[in-house]
Full PDB file with SEQRES, HELIX, SHEET, SSBOND, CRYST1, ORIGX, SCALE, CONECT and MASTER records, all heavy atoms in Angstrom:
SEQRES   1 A   32  PHE ALA LYS ARG ILE PHE LEU TYR TYR LEU PRO PHE GLY          
SEQRES   2 A   32  ARG TRP PHE VAL TYR ARG LYS VAL THR TRP GLN PRO ILE          
SEQRES   3 A   32  ILE LEU ALA GLN ILE ASP                                      
HELIX    1 AA1 ALA A    2  TYR A    9  1                                   8    
HELIX    2 AA2 GLY A   13  TYR A   18  1                                   6    
HELIX    3 AA3 LEU A   28  ILE A   31  1                                   4    
CRYST1    1.000    1.000    1.000  90.00  90.00  90.00 P 1           1          
ORIGX1      1.000000  0.000000  0.000000        0.00000                         
ORIGX2      0.000000  1.000000  0.000000        0.00000                         
ORIGX3      0.000000  0.000000  1.000000        0.00000                         
SCALE1      1.000000  0.000000  0.000000        0.00000                         
SCALE2      0.000000  1.000000  0.000000        0.00000                         
SCALE3      0.000000  0.000000  1.000000        0.00000                         
ATOM      1  N   PHE A   1       5.768 -14.586   3.280  1.00  0.00           N  
ATOM      2  CA  PHE A   1       4.707 -15.171   2.461  1.00  0.00           C  
ATOM      3  C   PHE A   1       3.424 -15.413   3.270  1.00  0.00           C  
ATOM      4  O   PHE A   1       2.329 -15.051   2.832  1.00  0.00           O  
ATOM      5  CB  PHE A   1       5.199 -16.474   1.822  1.00  0.00           C  
ATOM      6  CG  PHE A   1       4.171 -17.132   0.958  1.00  0.00           C  
ATOM      7  CD1 PHE A   1       3.847 -16.598  -0.276  1.00  0.00           C  
ATOM      8  CD2 PHE A   1       3.512 -18.273   1.389  1.00  0.00           C  
ATOM      9  CE1 PHE A   1       2.888 -17.193  -1.075  1.00  0.00           C  
ATOM     10  CE2 PHE A   1       2.556 -18.881   0.600  1.00  0.00           C  
ATOM     11  CZ  PHE A   1       2.245 -18.334  -0.633  1.00  0.00           C  
ATOM     12  N   ALA A   2       3.547 -16.018   4.447  1.00  0.00           N  
ATOM     13  CA  ALA A   2       2.371 -16.317   5.270  1.00  0.00           C  
ATOM     14  C   ALA A   2       1.645 -15.035   5.659  1.00  0.00           C  
ATOM     15  O   ALA A   2       0.405 -14.970   5.629  1.00  0.00           O  
ATOM     16  CB  ALA A   2       2.776 -17.100   6.508  1.00  0.00           C  
ATOM     17  N   LYS A   3       2.377 -14.022   6.012  1.00  0.00           N  
ATOM     18  CA  LYS A   3       1.769 -12.750   6.393  1.00  0.00           C  
ATOM     19  C   LYS A   3       1.079 -12.108   5.194  1.00  0.00           C  
ATOM     20  O   LYS A   3      -0.009 -11.557   5.318  1.00  0.00           O  
ATOM     21  CB  LYS A   3       2.836 -11.811   6.961  1.00  0.00           C  
ATOM     22  CG  LYS A   3       2.277 -10.536   7.530  1.00  0.00           C  
ATOM     23  CD  LYS A   3       3.376  -9.715   8.176  1.00  0.00           C  
ATOM     24  CE  LYS A   3       2.845  -8.429   8.756  1.00  0.00           C  
ATOM     25  NZ  LYS A   3       3.908  -7.608   9.319  1.00  0.00           N  
ATOM     26  N   ARG A   4       1.683 -12.207   4.017  1.00  0.00           N  
ATOM     27  CA  ARG A   4       1.066 -11.648   2.808  1.00  0.00           C  
ATOM     28  C   ARG A   4      -0.249 -12.341   2.497  1.00  0.00           C  
ATOM     29  O   ARG A   4      -1.230 -11.698   2.150  1.00  0.00           O  
ATOM     30  CB  ARG A   4       2.010 -11.758   1.610  1.00  0.00           C  
ATOM     31  CG  ARG A   4       3.151 -10.773   1.692  1.00  0.00           C  
ATOM     32  CD  ARG A   4       3.940 -10.767   0.431  1.00  0.00           C  
ATOM     33  NE  ARG A   4       4.563 -12.080   0.239  1.00  0.00           N  
ATOM     34  CZ  ARG A   4       5.259 -12.423  -0.815  1.00  0.00           C  
ATOM     35  NH1 ARG A   4       5.429 -11.590  -1.798  1.00  0.00           N  
ATOM     36  NH2 ARG A   4       5.796 -13.616  -0.904  1.00  0.00           N  
ATOM     37  N   ILE A   5      -0.284 -13.675   2.618  1.00  0.00           N  
ATOM     38  CA  ILE A   5      -1.514 -14.422   2.368  1.00  0.00           C  
ATOM     39  C   ILE A   5      -2.591 -14.007   3.370  1.00  0.00           C  
ATOM     40  O   ILE A   5      -3.744 -13.779   3.009  1.00  0.00           O  
ATOM     41  CB  ILE A   5      -1.264 -15.950   2.435  1.00  0.00           C  
ATOM     42  CG1 ILE A   5      -0.341 -16.376   1.293  1.00  0.00           C  
ATOM     43  CG2 ILE A   5      -2.568 -16.723   2.419  1.00  0.00           C  
ATOM     44  CD1 ILE A   5      -0.927 -16.151  -0.085  1.00  0.00           C  
ATOM     45  N   PHE A   6      -2.215 -13.896   4.648  1.00  0.00           N  
ATOM     46  CA  PHE A   6      -3.155 -13.477   5.691  1.00  0.00           C  
ATOM     47  C   PHE A   6      -3.736 -12.099   5.373  1.00  0.00           C  
ATOM     48  O   PHE A   6      -4.943 -11.889   5.442  1.00  0.00           O  
ATOM     49  CB  PHE A   6      -2.440 -13.465   7.044  1.00  0.00           C  
ATOM     50  CG  PHE A   6      -3.308 -13.011   8.171  1.00  0.00           C  
ATOM     51  CD1 PHE A   6      -4.310 -13.826   8.662  1.00  0.00           C  
ATOM     52  CD2 PHE A   6      -3.118 -11.766   8.745  1.00  0.00           C  
ATOM     53  CE1 PHE A   6      -5.120 -13.408   9.711  1.00  0.00           C  
ATOM     54  CE2 PHE A   6      -3.912 -11.338   9.785  1.00  0.00           C  
ATOM     55  CZ  PHE A   6      -4.914 -12.165  10.265  1.00  0.00           C  
ATOM     56  N   LEU A   7      -2.890 -11.158   4.991  1.00  0.00           N  
ATOM     57  CA  LEU A   7      -3.351  -9.810   4.692  1.00  0.00           C  
ATOM     58  C   LEU A   7      -4.191  -9.765   3.418  1.00  0.00           C  
ATOM     59  O   LEU A   7      -5.096  -8.943   3.293  1.00  0.00           O  
ATOM     60  CB  LEU A   7      -2.165  -8.851   4.572  1.00  0.00           C  
ATOM     61  CG  LEU A   7      -1.436  -8.564   5.873  1.00  0.00           C  
ATOM     62  CD1 LEU A   7      -0.214  -7.694   5.616  1.00  0.00           C  
ATOM     63  CD2 LEU A   7      -2.359  -7.894   6.871  1.00  0.00           C  
ATOM     64  N   TYR A   8      -3.906 -10.654   2.491  1.00  0.00           N  
ATOM     65  CA  TYR A   8      -4.664 -10.689   1.244  1.00  0.00           C  
ATOM     66  C   TYR A   8      -6.111 -11.114   1.506  1.00  0.00           C  
ATOM     67  O   TYR A   8      -7.036 -10.560   0.927  1.00  0.00           O  
ATOM     68  CB  TYR A   8      -4.004 -11.648   0.255  1.00  0.00           C  
ATOM     69  CG  TYR A   8      -4.732 -11.762  -1.054  1.00  0.00           C  
ATOM     70  CD1 TYR A   8      -4.641 -10.755  -2.013  1.00  0.00           C  
ATOM     71  CD2 TYR A   8      -5.525 -12.869  -1.333  1.00  0.00           C  
ATOM     72  CE1 TYR A   8      -5.315 -10.849  -3.213  1.00  0.00           C  
ATOM     73  CE2 TYR A   8      -6.213 -12.970  -2.532  1.00  0.00           C  
ATOM     74  CZ  TYR A   8      -6.105 -11.967  -3.468  1.00  0.00           C  
ATOM     75  OH  TYR A   8      -6.776 -12.071  -4.650  1.00  0.00           O  
ATOM     76  N   TYR A   9      -6.301 -12.088   2.372  1.00  0.00           N  
ATOM     77  CA  TYR A   9      -7.640 -12.602   2.643  1.00  0.00           C  
ATOM     78  C   TYR A   9      -8.377 -11.850   3.746  1.00  0.00           C  
ATOM     79  O   TYR A   9      -9.583 -11.980   3.888  1.00  0.00           O  
ATOM     80  CB  TYR A   9      -7.587 -14.098   2.979  1.00  0.00           C  
ATOM     81  CG  TYR A   9      -7.301 -14.918   1.755  1.00  0.00           C  
ATOM     82  CD1 TYR A   9      -6.069 -15.523   1.570  1.00  0.00           C  
ATOM     83  CD2 TYR A   9      -8.249 -15.056   0.750  1.00  0.00           C  
ATOM     84  CE1 TYR A   9      -5.793 -16.264   0.435  1.00  0.00           C  
ATOM     85  CE2 TYR A   9      -7.994 -15.789  -0.387  1.00  0.00           C  
ATOM     86  CZ  TYR A   9      -6.761 -16.393  -0.539  1.00  0.00           C  
ATOM     87  OH  TYR A   9      -6.504 -17.111  -1.662  1.00  0.00           O  
ATOM     88  N   LEU A  10      -7.669 -11.081   4.527  1.00  0.00           N  
ATOM     89  CA  LEU A  10      -8.289 -10.305   5.598  1.00  0.00           C  
ATOM     90  C   LEU A  10      -8.903  -9.036   5.007  1.00  0.00           C  
ATOM     91  O   LEU A  10      -8.220  -8.261   4.354  1.00  0.00           O  
ATOM     92  CB  LEU A  10      -7.237  -9.921   6.641  1.00  0.00           C  
ATOM     93  CG  LEU A  10      -7.692  -9.101   7.828  1.00  0.00           C  
ATOM     94  CD1 LEU A  10      -8.576  -9.955   8.725  1.00  0.00           C  
ATOM     95  CD2 LEU A  10      -6.492  -8.598   8.600  1.00  0.00           C  
ATOM     96  N   PRO A  11     -10.204  -8.829   5.222  1.00  0.00           N  
ATOM     97  CA  PRO A  11     -10.798  -7.588   4.718  1.00  0.00           C  
ATOM     98  C   PRO A  11     -10.064  -6.375   5.296  1.00  0.00           C  
ATOM     99  O   PRO A  11      -9.714  -6.350   6.470  1.00  0.00           O  
ATOM    100  CB  PRO A  11     -12.243  -7.647   5.227  1.00  0.00           C  
ATOM    101  CG  PRO A  11     -12.493  -9.097   5.480  1.00  0.00           C  
ATOM    102  CD  PRO A  11     -11.173  -9.683   5.884  1.00  0.00           C  
ATOM    103  N   PHE A  12      -9.802  -5.428   4.472  1.00  0.00           N  
ATOM    104  CA  PHE A  12      -9.099  -4.205   4.855  1.00  0.00           C  
ATOM    105  C   PHE A  12      -7.655  -4.458   5.289  1.00  0.00           C  
ATOM    106  O   PHE A  12      -7.049  -3.637   5.966  1.00  0.00           O  
ATOM    107  CB  PHE A  12      -9.847  -3.443   5.964  1.00  0.00           C  
ATOM    108  CG  PHE A  12     -11.262  -3.136   5.623  1.00  0.00           C  
ATOM    109  CD1 PHE A  12     -12.300  -3.816   6.236  1.00  0.00           C  
ATOM    110  CD2 PHE A  12     -11.560  -2.181   4.667  1.00  0.00           C  
ATOM    111  CE1 PHE A  12     -13.620  -3.544   5.918  1.00  0.00           C  
ATOM    112  CE2 PHE A  12     -12.877  -1.910   4.340  1.00  0.00           C  
ATOM    113  CZ  PHE A  12     -13.911  -2.577   4.965  1.00  0.00           C  
ATOM    114  N   GLY A  13      -7.084  -5.588   4.914  1.00  0.00           N  
ATOM    115  CA  GLY A  13      -5.712  -5.914   5.301  1.00  0.00           C  
ATOM    116  C   GLY A  13      -4.711  -4.911   4.780  1.00  0.00           C  
ATOM    117  O   GLY A  13      -3.826  -4.467   5.507  1.00  0.00           O  
ATOM    118  N   ARG A  14      -4.844  -4.548   3.513  1.00  0.00           N  
ATOM    119  CA  ARG A  14      -3.919  -3.567   2.921  1.00  0.00           C  
ATOM    120  C   ARG A  14      -4.057  -2.230   3.639  1.00  0.00           C  
ATOM    121  O   ARG A  14      -3.075  -1.566   3.941  1.00  0.00           O  
ATOM    122  CB  ARG A  14      -4.193  -3.410   1.434  1.00  0.00           C  
ATOM    123  CG  ARG A  14      -3.272  -2.413   0.761  1.00  0.00           C  
ATOM    124  CD  ARG A  14      -3.551  -2.304  -0.717  1.00  0.00           C  
ATOM    125  NE  ARG A  14      -3.122  -3.463  -1.457  1.00  0.00           N  
ATOM    126  CZ  ARG A  14      -1.876  -3.683  -1.840  1.00  0.00           C  
ATOM    127  NH1 ARG A  14      -0.948  -2.816  -1.561  1.00  0.00           N  
ATOM    128  NH2 ARG A  14      -1.562  -4.757  -2.514  1.00  0.00           N  
ATOM    129  N   TRP A  15      -5.294  -1.814   3.916  1.00  0.00           N  
ATOM    130  CA  TRP A  15      -5.510  -0.555   4.620  1.00  0.00           C  
ATOM    131  C   TRP A  15      -4.840  -0.589   5.995  1.00  0.00           C  
ATOM    132  O   TRP A  15      -4.220   0.382   6.409  1.00  0.00           O  
ATOM    133  CB  TRP A  15      -7.011  -0.294   4.786  1.00  0.00           C  
ATOM    134  CG  TRP A  15      -7.276   0.881   5.676  1.00  0.00           C  
ATOM    135  CD1 TRP A  15      -7.291   2.190   5.320  1.00  0.00           C  
ATOM    136  CD2 TRP A  15      -7.516   0.847   7.084  1.00  0.00           C  
ATOM    137  NE1 TRP A  15      -7.534   2.983   6.412  1.00  0.00           N  
ATOM    138  CE2 TRP A  15      -7.675   2.176   7.518  1.00  0.00           C  
ATOM    139  CE3 TRP A  15      -7.613  -0.178   8.020  1.00  0.00           C  
ATOM    140  CZ2 TRP A  15      -7.926   2.510   8.832  1.00  0.00           C  
ATOM    141  CZ3 TRP A  15      -7.862   0.156   9.333  1.00  0.00           C  
ATOM    142  CH2 TRP A  15      -8.016   1.488   9.733  1.00  0.00           C  
ATOM    143  N   PHE A  16      -4.957  -1.709   6.702  1.00  0.00           N  
ATOM    144  CA  PHE A  16      -4.383  -1.832   8.035  1.00  0.00           C  
ATOM    145  C   PHE A  16      -2.868  -1.662   8.008  1.00  0.00           C  
ATOM    146  O   PHE A  16      -2.294  -0.981   8.857  1.00  0.00           O  
ATOM    147  CB  PHE A  16      -4.752  -3.185   8.648  1.00  0.00           C  
ATOM    148  CG  PHE A  16      -4.262  -3.352  10.057  1.00  0.00           C  
ATOM    149  CD1 PHE A  16      -4.911  -2.714  11.093  1.00  0.00           C  
ATOM    150  CD2 PHE A  16      -3.158  -4.132  10.328  1.00  0.00           C  
ATOM    151  CE1 PHE A  16      -4.458  -2.861  12.404  1.00  0.00           C  
ATOM    152  CE2 PHE A  16      -2.692  -4.276  11.630  1.00  0.00           C  
ATOM    153  CZ  PHE A  16      -3.351  -3.638  12.665  1.00  0.00           C  
ATOM    154  N   VAL A  17      -2.214  -2.247   7.027  1.00  0.00           N  
ATOM    155  CA  VAL A  17      -0.761  -2.160   6.923  1.00  0.00           C  
ATOM    156  C   VAL A  17      -0.322  -0.750   6.546  1.00  0.00           C  
ATOM    157  O   VAL A  17       0.646  -0.223   7.077  1.00  0.00           O  
ATOM    158  CB  VAL A  17      -0.221  -3.184   5.903  1.00  0.00           C  
ATOM    159  CG1 VAL A  17       1.249  -2.965   5.613  1.00  0.00           C  
ATOM    160  CG2 VAL A  17      -0.452  -4.601   6.408  1.00  0.00           C  
ATOM    161  N   TYR A  18      -1.064  -0.118   5.633  1.00  0.00           N  
ATOM    162  CA  TYR A  18      -0.635   1.168   5.078  1.00  0.00           C  
ATOM    163  C   TYR A  18      -1.365   2.375   5.654  1.00  0.00           C  
ATOM    164  O   TYR A  18      -1.214   3.478   5.153  1.00  0.00           O  
ATOM    165  CB  TYR A  18      -0.839   1.160   3.563  1.00  0.00           C  
ATOM    166  CG  TYR A  18       0.141   0.296   2.824  1.00  0.00           C  
ATOM    167  CD1 TYR A  18      -0.277  -0.460   1.745  1.00  0.00           C  
ATOM    168  CD2 TYR A  18       1.476   0.239   3.182  1.00  0.00           C  
ATOM    169  CE1 TYR A  18       0.611  -1.244   1.036  1.00  0.00           C  
ATOM    170  CE2 TYR A  18       2.364  -0.543   2.496  1.00  0.00           C  
ATOM    171  CZ  TYR A  18       1.932  -1.282   1.417  1.00  0.00           C  
ATOM    172  OH  TYR A  18       2.821  -2.048   0.725  1.00  0.00           O  
ATOM    173  N   ARG A  19      -2.133   2.219   6.712  1.00  0.00           N  
ATOM    174  CA  ARG A  19      -2.974   3.302   7.211  1.00  0.00           C  
ATOM    175  C   ARG A  19      -2.204   4.553   7.631  1.00  0.00           C  
ATOM    176  O   ARG A  19      -2.739   5.641   7.581  1.00  0.00           O  
ATOM    177  CB  ARG A  19      -3.863   2.811   8.341  1.00  0.00           C  
ATOM    178  CG  ARG A  19      -3.119   2.494   9.624  1.00  0.00           C  
ATOM    179  CD  ARG A  19      -4.057   1.862  10.659  1.00  0.00           C  
ATOM    180  NE  ARG A  19      -3.396   1.618  11.894  1.00  0.00           N  
ATOM    181  CZ  ARG A  19      -2.626   0.565  12.149  1.00  0.00           C  
ATOM    182  NH1 ARG A  19      -2.445  -0.342  11.224  1.00  0.00           N  
ATOM    183  NH2 ARG A  19      -2.046   0.419  13.327  1.00  0.00           N  
ATOM    184  N   LYS A  20      -0.965   4.425   8.049  1.00  0.00           N  
ATOM    185  CA  LYS A  20      -0.198   5.587   8.509  1.00  0.00           C  
ATOM    186  C   LYS A  20       0.952   5.941   7.569  1.00  0.00           C  
ATOM    187  O   LYS A  20       1.740   6.817   7.876  1.00  0.00           O  
ATOM    188  CB  LYS A  20       0.360   5.328   9.906  1.00  0.00           C  
ATOM    189  CG  LYS A  20      -0.726   5.211  10.953  1.00  0.00           C  
ATOM    190  CD  LYS A  20      -0.156   5.014  12.325  1.00  0.00           C  
ATOM    191  CE  LYS A  20      -1.283   4.870  13.335  1.00  0.00           C  
ATOM    192  NZ  LYS A  20      -0.787   4.679  14.682  1.00  0.00           N  
ATOM    193  N   VAL A  21       1.008   5.284   6.419  1.00  0.00           N  
ATOM    194  CA  VAL A  21       2.087   5.525   5.476  1.00  0.00           C  
ATOM    195  C   VAL A  21       1.602   6.459   4.378  1.00  0.00           C  
ATOM    196  O   VAL A  21       0.490   6.319   3.887  1.00  0.00           O  
ATOM    197  CB  VAL A  21       2.561   4.198   4.837  1.00  0.00           C  
ATOM    198  CG1 VAL A  21       3.669   4.447   3.850  1.00  0.00           C  
ATOM    199  CG2 VAL A  21       3.006   3.220   5.904  1.00  0.00           C  
ATOM    200  N   THR A  22       2.426   7.424   4.033  1.00  0.00           N  
ATOM    201  CA  THR A  22       2.118   8.290   2.891  1.00  0.00           C  
ATOM    202  C   THR A  22       3.258   8.205   1.894  1.00  0.00           C  
ATOM    203  O   THR A  22       4.417   7.996   2.276  1.00  0.00           O  
ATOM    204  CB  THR A  22       1.938   9.758   3.327  1.00  0.00           C  
ATOM    205  OG1 THR A  22       3.128  10.204   3.970  1.00  0.00           O  
ATOM    206  CG2 THR A  22       0.763   9.914   4.266  1.00  0.00           C  
ATOM    207  N   TRP A  23       2.917   8.328   0.649  1.00  0.00           N  
ATOM    208  CA  TRP A  23       3.929   8.280  -0.410  1.00  0.00           C  
ATOM    209  C   TRP A  23       3.980   9.632  -1.083  1.00  0.00           C  
ATOM    210  O   TRP A  23       2.950  10.264  -1.332  1.00  0.00           O  
ATOM    211  CB  TRP A  23       3.576   7.196  -1.433  1.00  0.00           C  
ATOM    212  CG  TRP A  23       3.731   5.841  -0.849  1.00  0.00           C  
ATOM    213  CD1 TRP A  23       4.877   5.106  -0.810  1.00  0.00           C  
ATOM    214  CD2 TRP A  23       2.750   5.072  -0.180  1.00  0.00           C  
ATOM    215  NE1 TRP A  23       4.654   3.922  -0.148  1.00  0.00           N  
ATOM    216  CE2 TRP A  23       3.344   3.873   0.247  1.00  0.00           C  
ATOM    217  CE3 TRP A  23       1.403   5.260   0.106  1.00  0.00           C  
ATOM    218  CZ2 TRP A  23       2.659   2.882   0.922  1.00  0.00           C  
ATOM    219  CZ3 TRP A  23       0.712   4.284   0.793  1.00  0.00           C  
ATOM    220  CH2 TRP A  23       1.348   3.113   1.188  1.00  0.00           C  
ATOM    221  N   GLN A  24       5.197  10.056  -1.384  1.00  0.00           N  
ATOM    222  CA  GLN A  24       5.366  11.327  -2.061  1.00  0.00           C  
ATOM    223  C   GLN A  24       4.804  11.218  -3.475  1.00  0.00           C  
ATOM    224  O   GLN A  24       4.993  10.212  -4.144  1.00  0.00           O  
ATOM    225  CB  GLN A  24       6.839  11.714  -2.122  1.00  0.00           C  
ATOM    226  CG  GLN A  24       7.421  12.086  -0.804  1.00  0.00           C  
ATOM    227  CD  GLN A  24       8.841  12.594  -0.950  1.00  0.00           C  
ATOM    228  OE1 GLN A  24       9.362  12.766  -2.036  1.00  0.00           O  
ATOM    229  NE2 GLN A  24       9.481  12.827   0.175  1.00  0.00           N  
ATOM    230  N   PRO A  25       4.111  12.239  -3.923  1.00  0.00           N  
ATOM    231  CA  PRO A  25       3.562  12.175  -5.272  1.00  0.00           C  
ATOM    232  C   PRO A  25       4.637  12.424  -6.328  1.00  0.00           C  
ATOM    233  O   PRO A  25       5.591  13.157  -6.113  1.00  0.00           O  
ATOM    234  CB  PRO A  25       2.523  13.293  -5.287  1.00  0.00           C  
ATOM    235  CG  PRO A  25       2.962  14.248  -4.238  1.00  0.00           C  
ATOM    236  CD  PRO A  25       3.674  13.430  -3.197  1.00  0.00           C  
ATOM    237  N   ILE A  26       4.463  11.745  -7.430  1.00  0.00           N  
ATOM    238  CA  ILE A  26       5.250  11.998  -8.635  1.00  0.00           C  
ATOM    239  C   ILE A  26       4.241  12.508  -9.655  1.00  0.00           C  
ATOM    240  O   ILE A  26       3.154  11.959  -9.778  1.00  0.00           O  
ATOM    241  CB  ILE A  26       5.872  10.699  -9.174  1.00  0.00           C  
ATOM    242  CG1 ILE A  26       6.877  10.136  -8.199  1.00  0.00           C  
ATOM    243  CG2 ILE A  26       6.515  10.932 -10.531  1.00  0.00           C  
ATOM    244  CD1 ILE A  26       7.421   8.782  -8.627  1.00  0.00           C  
ATOM    245  N   ILE A  27       4.589  13.558 -10.375  1.00  0.00           N  
ATOM    246  CA  ILE A  27       3.698  14.037 -11.426  1.00  0.00           C  
ATOM    247  C   ILE A  27       4.352  13.771 -12.786  1.00  0.00           C  
ATOM    248  O   ILE A  27       5.564  13.573 -12.877  1.00  0.00           O  
ATOM    249  CB  ILE A  27       3.340  15.530 -11.260  1.00  0.00           C  
ATOM    250  CG1 ILE A  27       4.579  16.411 -11.279  1.00  0.00           C  
ATOM    251  CG2 ILE A  27       2.533  15.747  -9.993  1.00  0.00           C  
ATOM    252  CD1 ILE A  27       4.277  17.899 -11.301  1.00  0.00           C  
ATOM    253  N   LEU A  28       3.531  13.734 -13.806  1.00  0.00           N  
ATOM    254  CA  LEU A  28       4.042  13.432 -15.140  1.00  0.00           C  
ATOM    255  C   LEU A  28       5.095  14.434 -15.595  1.00  0.00           C  
ATOM    256  O   LEU A  28       5.992  14.081 -16.357  1.00  0.00           O  
ATOM    257  CB  LEU A  28       2.894  13.367 -16.142  1.00  0.00           C  
ATOM    258  CG  LEU A  28       1.914  12.214 -15.938  1.00  0.00           C  
ATOM    259  CD1 LEU A  28       0.847  12.233 -17.010  1.00  0.00           C  
ATOM    260  CD2 LEU A  28       2.631  10.872 -15.928  1.00  0.00           C  
ATOM    261  N   ALA A  29       5.024  15.672 -15.111  1.00  0.00           N  
ATOM    262  CA  ALA A  29       6.050  16.666 -15.456  1.00  0.00           C  
ATOM    263  C   ALA A  29       7.429  16.221 -14.955  1.00  0.00           C  
ATOM    264  O   ALA A  29       8.445  16.446 -15.628  1.00  0.00           O  
ATOM    265  CB  ALA A  29       5.684  18.024 -14.880  1.00  0.00           C  
ATOM    266  N   GLN A  30       7.485  15.574 -13.784  1.00  0.00           N  
ATOM    267  CA  GLN A  30       8.761  15.062 -13.269  1.00  0.00           C  
ATOM    268  C   GLN A  30       9.284  13.933 -14.145  1.00  0.00           C  
ATOM    269  O   GLN A  30      10.487  13.825 -14.383  1.00  0.00           O  
ATOM    270  CB  GLN A  30       8.601  14.551 -11.833  1.00  0.00           C  
ATOM    271  CG  GLN A  30       8.394  15.636 -10.809  1.00  0.00           C  
ATOM    272  CD  GLN A  30       8.084  15.032  -9.465  1.00  0.00           C  
ATOM    273  OE1 GLN A  30       6.995  14.519  -9.254  1.00  0.00           O  
ATOM    274  NE2 GLN A  30       9.037  15.099  -8.550  1.00  0.00           N  
ATOM    275  N   ILE A  31       8.379  13.084 -14.601  1.00  0.00           N  
ATOM    276  CA  ILE A  31       8.777  11.981 -15.473  1.00  0.00           C  
ATOM    277  C   ILE A  31       9.286  12.535 -16.792  1.00  0.00           C  
ATOM    278  O   ILE A  31      10.314  12.084 -17.315  1.00  0.00           O  
ATOM    279  CB  ILE A  31       7.605  10.998 -15.669  1.00  0.00           C  
ATOM    280  CG1 ILE A  31       7.269  10.329 -14.331  1.00  0.00           C  
ATOM    281  CG2 ILE A  31       7.926   9.969 -16.745  1.00  0.00           C  
ATOM    282  CD1 ILE A  31       6.006   9.507 -14.335  1.00  0.00           C  
ATOM    283  N   ASP A  32       8.610  13.536 -17.334  1.00  0.00           N  
ATOM    284  CA  ASP A  32       9.050  14.183 -18.565  1.00  0.00           C  
ATOM    285  C   ASP A  32      10.432  14.821 -18.379  1.00  0.00           C  
ATOM    286  O   ASP A  32      11.295  14.713 -19.255  1.00  0.00           O  
ATOM    287  CB  ASP A  32       8.021  15.230 -18.995  1.00  0.00           C  
ATOM    288  CG  ASP A  32       8.339  15.841 -20.337  1.00  0.00           C  
ATOM    289  OD1 ASP A  32       8.535  15.070 -21.306  1.00  0.00           O  
ATOM    290  OD2 ASP A  32       8.390  17.089 -20.426  1.00  0.00           O  
TER     291      ASP A  32                                                      
MASTER        0    0    0    3    0    0    0    6  290    1    0    3          
END                                                                             
């Protein structure tokens, strides 16, 4: 919780945490 609050108020906090992470794309055809 404390770390989440810190990252929420820190400018670019989300970017800093996720800067090297990539997520596989899902397309609507897969959902269909």
